[in-house]
Amino acid sequence: MYAGQFLAGTFPALHTHRVNATYAGIAVLVVVAAAAAALLRWPGRGTIWPFLAGLGIFGLVALQIALGFARVLTLHVPLGIVIILGSLLLAGWSWRYRQVRS
């Protein structure tokens, strides 16, 4: 929401977007997702790809932050869409996942 306001010309929204995106993206969502995927893999003996996907999203978020601070909006905006789409796909998979017992 704040990113859209900034792109529409409401420049004070940039500060709010930066604060919200940094805390929500790194501190909460990405770290929790990676921790959950690690628990799925090692104690749960599940597949490793969700853990690798979580680490990949974490790296993309770090790149996203760097691009945002550098004001490279031509890459920052599409990368944000890719991060959100990847996160939604991973979350959707997690709700459908059923571990196969052998």
N, C-alpha and C. Protein backbone atom coordinates (compact mmCIF):
# COMPACT_ATOMS: atom_id res chain seq x y z
N MET A 1 0.83 -1.18 0.00
CA MET A 1 0.00 0.00 0.00
C MET A 1 0.88 1.25 0.00
N TYR A 2 1.85 1.30 0.90
CA TYR A 2 2.71 2.49 0.98
C TYR A 2 3.61 2.61 -0.23
N ALA A 3 4.01 1.48 -0.79
CA ALA A 3 4.84 1.53 -2.00
C ALA A 3 4.05 2.15 -3.14
N GLY A 4 2.79 1.76 -3.27
CA GLY A 4 1.95 2.34 -4.31
C GLY A 4 1.73 3.83 -4.11
N GLN A 5 1.57 4.25 -2.86
CA GLN A 5 1.41 5.68 -2.58
C GLN A 5 2.68 6.44 -2.98
N PHE A 6 3.85 5.85 -2.68
CA PHE A 6 5.10 6.50 -3.05
C PHE A 6 5.21 6.62 -4.57
N LEU A 7 4.89 5.53 -5.29
CA LEU A 7 4.98 5.57 -6.75
C LEU A 7 3.97 6.54 -7.35
N ALA A 8 2.88 6.79 -6.63
CA ALA A 8 1.87 7.75 -7.11
C ALA A 8 2.23 9.19 -6.79
N GLY A 9 3.34 9.39 -6.05
CA GLY A 9 3.79 10.74 -5.78
C GLY A 9 3.68 11.21 -4.35
N THR A 10 3.19 10.37 -3.45
CA THR A 10 3.12 10.72 -2.04
C THR A 10 4.43 10.30 -1.39
N PHE A 11 5.41 11.18 -1.46
CA PHE A 11 6.77 10.83 -1.08
C PHE A 11 6.98 10.51 0.41
N PRO A 12 6.22 11.08 1.36
CA PRO A 12 6.39 10.67 2.75
C PRO A 12 6.05 9.19 2.99
N ALA A 13 5.29 8.56 2.09
CA ALA A 13 4.96 7.14 2.24
C ALA A 13 6.19 6.26 2.08
N LEU A 14 7.26 6.78 1.50
CA LEU A 14 8.47 5.99 1.31
C LEU A 14 9.05 5.56 2.65
N HIS A 15 9.08 6.44 3.61
CA HIS A 15 9.64 6.09 4.92
C HIS A 15 8.82 4.97 5.58
N THR A 16 7.51 5.09 5.53
CA THR A 16 6.64 4.08 6.13
C THR A 16 6.80 2.75 5.41
N HIS A 17 6.90 2.78 4.09
CA HIS A 17 7.11 1.56 3.30
C HIS A 17 8.43 0.90 3.70
N ARG A 18 9.46 1.68 3.84
CA ARG A 18 10.78 1.14 4.19
C ARG A 18 10.75 0.45 5.56
N VAL A 19 10.15 1.11 6.54
CA VAL A 19 10.10 0.55 7.89
C VAL A 19 9.25 -0.73 7.91
N ASN A 20 8.05 -0.67 7.33
CA ASN A 20 7.17 -1.84 7.31
C ASN A 20 7.78 -3.01 6.56
N ALA A 21 8.35 -2.74 5.40
CA ALA A 21 8.91 -3.82 4.58
C ALA A 21 10.10 -4.47 5.25
N THR A 22 10.93 -3.69 5.90
CA THR A 22 12.12 -4.25 6.55
C THR A 22 11.72 -5.16 7.70
N TYR A 23 10.86 -4.69 8.58
CA TYR A 23 10.49 -5.50 9.73
C TYR A 23 9.62 -6.69 9.35
N ALA A 24 8.65 -6.48 8.48
CA ALA A 24 7.77 -7.58 8.10
C ALA A 24 8.50 -8.61 7.26
N GLY A 25 9.34 -8.14 6.35
CA GLY A 25 10.03 -9.04 5.43
C GLY A 25 11.10 -9.87 6.06
N ILE A 26 11.92 -9.28 6.90
CA ILE A 26 13.05 -10.01 7.45
C ILE A 26 12.72 -10.59 8.80
N ALA A 27 12.33 -9.75 9.72
CA ALA A 27 12.22 -10.18 11.12
C ALA A 27 11.11 -11.19 11.32
N VAL A 28 10.03 -11.06 10.60
CA VAL A 28 8.88 -11.91 10.91
C VAL A 28 8.71 -13.02 9.89
N LEU A 29 8.35 -12.66 8.69
CA LEU A 29 7.93 -13.65 7.72
C LEU A 29 9.03 -14.58 7.25
N VAL A 30 10.15 -14.02 6.84
CA VAL A 30 11.19 -14.84 6.23
C VAL A 30 11.88 -15.73 7.26
N VAL A 31 12.20 -15.20 8.41
CA VAL A 31 12.87 -15.99 9.44
C VAL A 31 11.95 -17.09 9.96
N VAL A 32 10.70 -16.79 10.18
CA VAL A 32 9.75 -17.80 10.66
C VAL A 32 9.55 -18.89 9.60
N ALA A 33 9.44 -18.50 8.34
CA ALA A 33 9.27 -19.48 7.27
C ALA A 33 10.49 -20.39 7.16
N ALA A 34 11.68 -19.83 7.24
CA ALA A 34 12.89 -20.65 7.16
C ALA A 34 13.00 -21.58 8.36
N ALA A 35 12.64 -21.11 9.54
CA ALA A 35 12.68 -21.95 10.74
C ALA A 35 11.67 -23.10 10.63
N ALA A 36 10.48 -22.80 10.15
CA ALA A 36 9.47 -23.85 9.98
C ALA A 36 9.92 -24.89 8.95
N ALA A 37 10.53 -24.43 7.87
CA ALA A 37 11.02 -25.36 6.86
C ALA A 37 12.17 -26.21 7.40
N ALA A 38 13.01 -25.63 8.24
CA ALA A 38 14.10 -26.39 8.85
C ALA A 38 13.54 -27.47 9.77
N LEU A 39 12.50 -27.14 10.54
CA LEU A 39 11.87 -28.13 11.40
C LEU A 39 11.19 -29.24 10.60
N LEU A 40 10.63 -28.88 9.46
CA LEU A 40 10.02 -29.88 8.59
C LEU A 40 11.08 -30.84 8.07
N ARG A 41 12.25 -30.32 7.74
CA ARG A 41 13.29 -31.15 7.15
C ARG A 41 13.99 -32.04 8.18
N TRP A 42 14.50 -31.45 9.24
CA TRP A 42 15.38 -32.24 10.10
C TRP A 42 14.64 -33.05 11.16
N PRO A 43 13.90 -32.51 12.05
CA PRO A 43 13.18 -33.43 12.95
C PRO A 43 12.08 -34.19 12.22
N GLY A 44 11.46 -33.53 11.24
CA GLY A 44 10.31 -34.14 10.56
C GLY A 44 10.66 -35.05 9.42
N ARG A 45 11.92 -35.10 9.00
CA ARG A 45 12.39 -35.94 7.89
C ARG A 45 11.64 -35.64 6.58
N GLY A 46 11.26 -34.39 6.42
CA GLY A 46 10.58 -33.98 5.19
C GLY A 46 11.57 -33.62 4.10
N THR A 47 11.04 -33.11 3.02
CA THR A 47 11.87 -32.72 1.88
C THR A 47 12.66 -31.44 2.20
N ILE A 48 13.77 -31.26 1.51
CA ILE A 48 14.64 -30.11 1.81
C ILE A 48 14.28 -28.88 0.98
N TRP A 49 13.55 -29.03 -0.10
CA TRP A 49 13.34 -27.89 -0.99
C TRP A 49 12.62 -26.71 -0.33
N PRO A 50 11.67 -26.91 0.62
CA PRO A 50 11.07 -25.73 1.26
C PRO A 50 12.10 -24.92 2.06
N PHE A 51 13.06 -25.60 2.68
CA PHE A 51 14.11 -24.90 3.41
C PHE A 51 14.97 -24.09 2.44
N LEU A 52 15.34 -24.69 1.32
CA LEU A 52 16.13 -23.97 0.31
C LEU A 52 15.34 -22.81 -0.29
N ALA A 53 14.04 -23.02 -0.49
CA ALA A 53 13.19 -21.94 -1.00
C ALA A 53 13.12 -20.79 0.00
N GLY A 54 13.03 -21.12 1.30
CA GLY A 54 13.02 -20.09 2.33
C GLY A 54 14.31 -19.29 2.35
N LEU A 55 15.43 -20.00 2.22
CA LEU A 55 16.72 -19.30 2.15
C LEU A 55 16.81 -18.44 0.90
N GLY A 56 16.29 -18.95 -0.21
CA GLY A 56 16.29 -18.18 -1.45
C GLY A 56 15.46 -16.90 -1.32
N ILE A 57 14.30 -17.02 -0.71
CA ILE A 57 13.46 -15.83 -0.50
C ILE A 57 14.16 -14.85 0.42
N PHE A 58 14.83 -15.37 1.45
CA PHE A 58 15.60 -14.50 2.34
C PHE A 58 16.65 -13.72 1.56
N GLY A 59 17.37 -14.39 0.65
CA GLY A 59 18.37 -13.71 -0.18
C GLY A 59 17.74 -12.68 -1.10
N LEU A 60 16.58 -13.02 -1.67
CA LEU A 60 15.89 -12.06 -2.54
C LEU A 60 15.41 -10.84 -1.77
N VAL A 61 14.98 -11.05 -0.53
CA VAL A 61 14.56 -9.92 0.30
C VAL A 61 15.75 -9.01 0.60
N ALA A 62 16.90 -9.60 0.87
CA ALA A 62 18.11 -8.79 1.10
C ALA A 62 18.45 -7.98 -0.15
N LEU A 63 18.37 -8.62 -1.32
CA LEU A 63 18.61 -7.90 -2.58
C LEU A 63 17.55 -6.81 -2.78
N GLN A 64 16.31 -7.12 -2.44
CA GLN A 64 15.22 -6.16 -2.56
C GLN A 64 15.49 -4.92 -1.72
N ILE A 65 15.95 -5.12 -0.49
CA ILE A 65 16.26 -3.98 0.38
C ILE A 65 17.39 -3.15 -0.21
N ALA A 66 18.43 -3.81 -0.70
CA ALA A 66 19.56 -3.08 -1.30
C ALA A 66 19.10 -2.28 -2.52
N LEU A 67 18.29 -2.87 -3.36
CA LEU A 67 17.79 -2.17 -4.54
C LEU A 67 16.89 -0.99 -4.15
N GLY A 68 16.12 -1.16 -3.09
CA GLY A 68 15.26 -0.08 -2.63
C GLY A 68 16.06 1.10 -2.12
N PHE A 69 17.08 0.83 -1.30
CA PHE A 69 17.90 1.92 -0.79
C PHE A 69 18.69 2.60 -1.90
N ALA A 70 19.04 1.83 -2.95
CA ALA A 70 19.76 2.41 -4.09
C ALA A 70 18.80 3.11 -5.06
N ARG A 71 17.50 3.04 -4.79
CA ARG A 71 16.46 3.65 -5.63
C ARG A 71 16.44 3.09 -7.06
N VAL A 72 16.72 1.80 -7.20
CA VAL A 72 16.67 1.13 -8.50
C VAL A 72 15.27 0.53 -8.65
N LEU A 73 14.31 1.40 -8.91
CA LEU A 73 12.91 0.97 -8.93
C LEU A 73 12.59 0.05 -10.10
N THR A 74 13.35 0.13 -11.19
CA THR A 74 13.09 -0.74 -12.33
C THR A 74 13.33 -2.21 -11.99
N LEU A 75 14.15 -2.50 -11.00
CA LEU A 75 14.35 -3.87 -10.53
C LEU A 75 13.64 -4.13 -9.20
N HIS A 76 13.54 -3.10 -8.37
CA HIS A 76 12.95 -3.24 -7.05
C HIS A 76 11.47 -3.64 -7.12
N VAL A 77 10.72 -3.01 -7.99
CA VAL A 77 9.28 -3.28 -8.08
C VAL A 77 9.01 -4.69 -8.63
N PRO A 78 9.60 -5.10 -9.76
CA PRO A 78 9.34 -6.47 -10.23
C PRO A 78 9.85 -7.54 -9.26
N LEU A 79 10.98 -7.28 -8.61
CA LEU A 79 11.49 -8.25 -7.64
C LEU A 79 10.53 -8.39 -6.46
N GLY A 80 9.92 -7.30 -6.05
CA GLY A 80 8.92 -7.37 -4.99
C GLY A 80 7.75 -8.26 -5.38
N ILE A 81 7.34 -8.18 -6.62
CA ILE A 81 6.24 -9.02 -7.11
C ILE A 81 6.67 -10.49 -7.11
N VAL A 82 7.89 -10.76 -7.53
CA VAL A 82 8.41 -12.13 -7.53
C VAL A 82 8.48 -12.68 -6.11
N ILE A 83 8.94 -11.87 -5.16
CA ILE A 83 9.03 -12.31 -3.77
C ILE A 83 7.65 -12.62 -3.20
N ILE A 84 6.69 -11.76 -3.46
CA ILE A 84 5.34 -11.99 -2.95
C ILE A 84 4.74 -13.24 -3.59
N LEU A 85 4.90 -13.40 -4.89
CA LEU A 85 4.37 -14.58 -5.57
C LEU A 85 5.02 -15.85 -5.03
N GLY A 86 6.35 -15.86 -4.90
CA GLY A 86 7.04 -17.03 -4.36
C GLY A 86 6.61 -17.36 -2.95
N SER A 87 6.44 -16.34 -2.14
CA SER A 87 5.99 -16.55 -0.76
C SER A 87 4.57 -17.11 -0.71
N LEU A 88 3.70 -16.61 -1.56
CA LEU A 88 2.33 -17.12 -1.61
C LEU A 88 2.28 -18.57 -2.09
N LEU A 89 3.10 -18.90 -3.09
CA LEU A 89 3.15 -20.28 -3.56
C LEU A 89 3.67 -21.22 -2.47
N LEU A 90 4.70 -20.79 -1.76
CA LEU A 90 5.24 -21.61 -0.68
C LEU A 90 4.22 -21.77 0.46
N ALA A 91 3.52 -20.69 0.79
CA ALA A 91 2.49 -20.77 1.83
C ALA A 91 1.35 -21.68 1.39
N GLY A 92 0.94 -21.56 0.15
CA GLY A 92 -0.12 -22.44 -0.37
C GLY A 92 0.30 -23.90 -0.33
N TRP A 93 1.53 -24.18 -0.70
CA TRP A 93 2.04 -25.55 -0.64
C TRP A 93 2.01 -26.06 0.79
N SER A 94 2.39 -25.21 1.74
CA SER A 94 2.47 -25.65 3.13
C SER A 94 1.09 -26.04 3.68
N TRP A 95 0.04 -25.41 3.20
CA TRP A 95 -1.30 -25.76 3.67
C TRP A 95 -1.78 -27.07 3.06
N ARG A 96 -1.25 -27.43 1.90
CA ARG A 96 -1.66 -28.67 1.25
C ARG A 96 -0.75 -29.85 1.56
N TYR A 97 0.40 -29.60 2.18
CA TYR A 97 1.41 -30.64 2.40
C TYR A 97 0.92 -31.72 3.35
N ARG A 98 1.11 -32.94 2.96
CA ARG A 98 0.84 -34.10 3.81
C ARG A 98 2.05 -35.00 3.72
N GLN A 99 2.69 -35.26 4.85
CA GLN A 99 3.89 -36.08 4.85
C GLN A 99 3.54 -37.53 4.63
N VAL A 100 4.28 -38.18 3.77
CA VAL A 100 4.08 -39.60 3.48
C VAL A 100 4.85 -40.40 4.52
N ARG A 101 4.16 -41.26 5.23
CA ARG A 101 4.81 -42.11 6.23
C ARG A 101 5.24 -43.40 5.56
N SER A 102 6.50 -43.78 5.80
CA SER A 102 6.98 -45.02 5.19
C SER A 102 7.24 -46.09 6.23
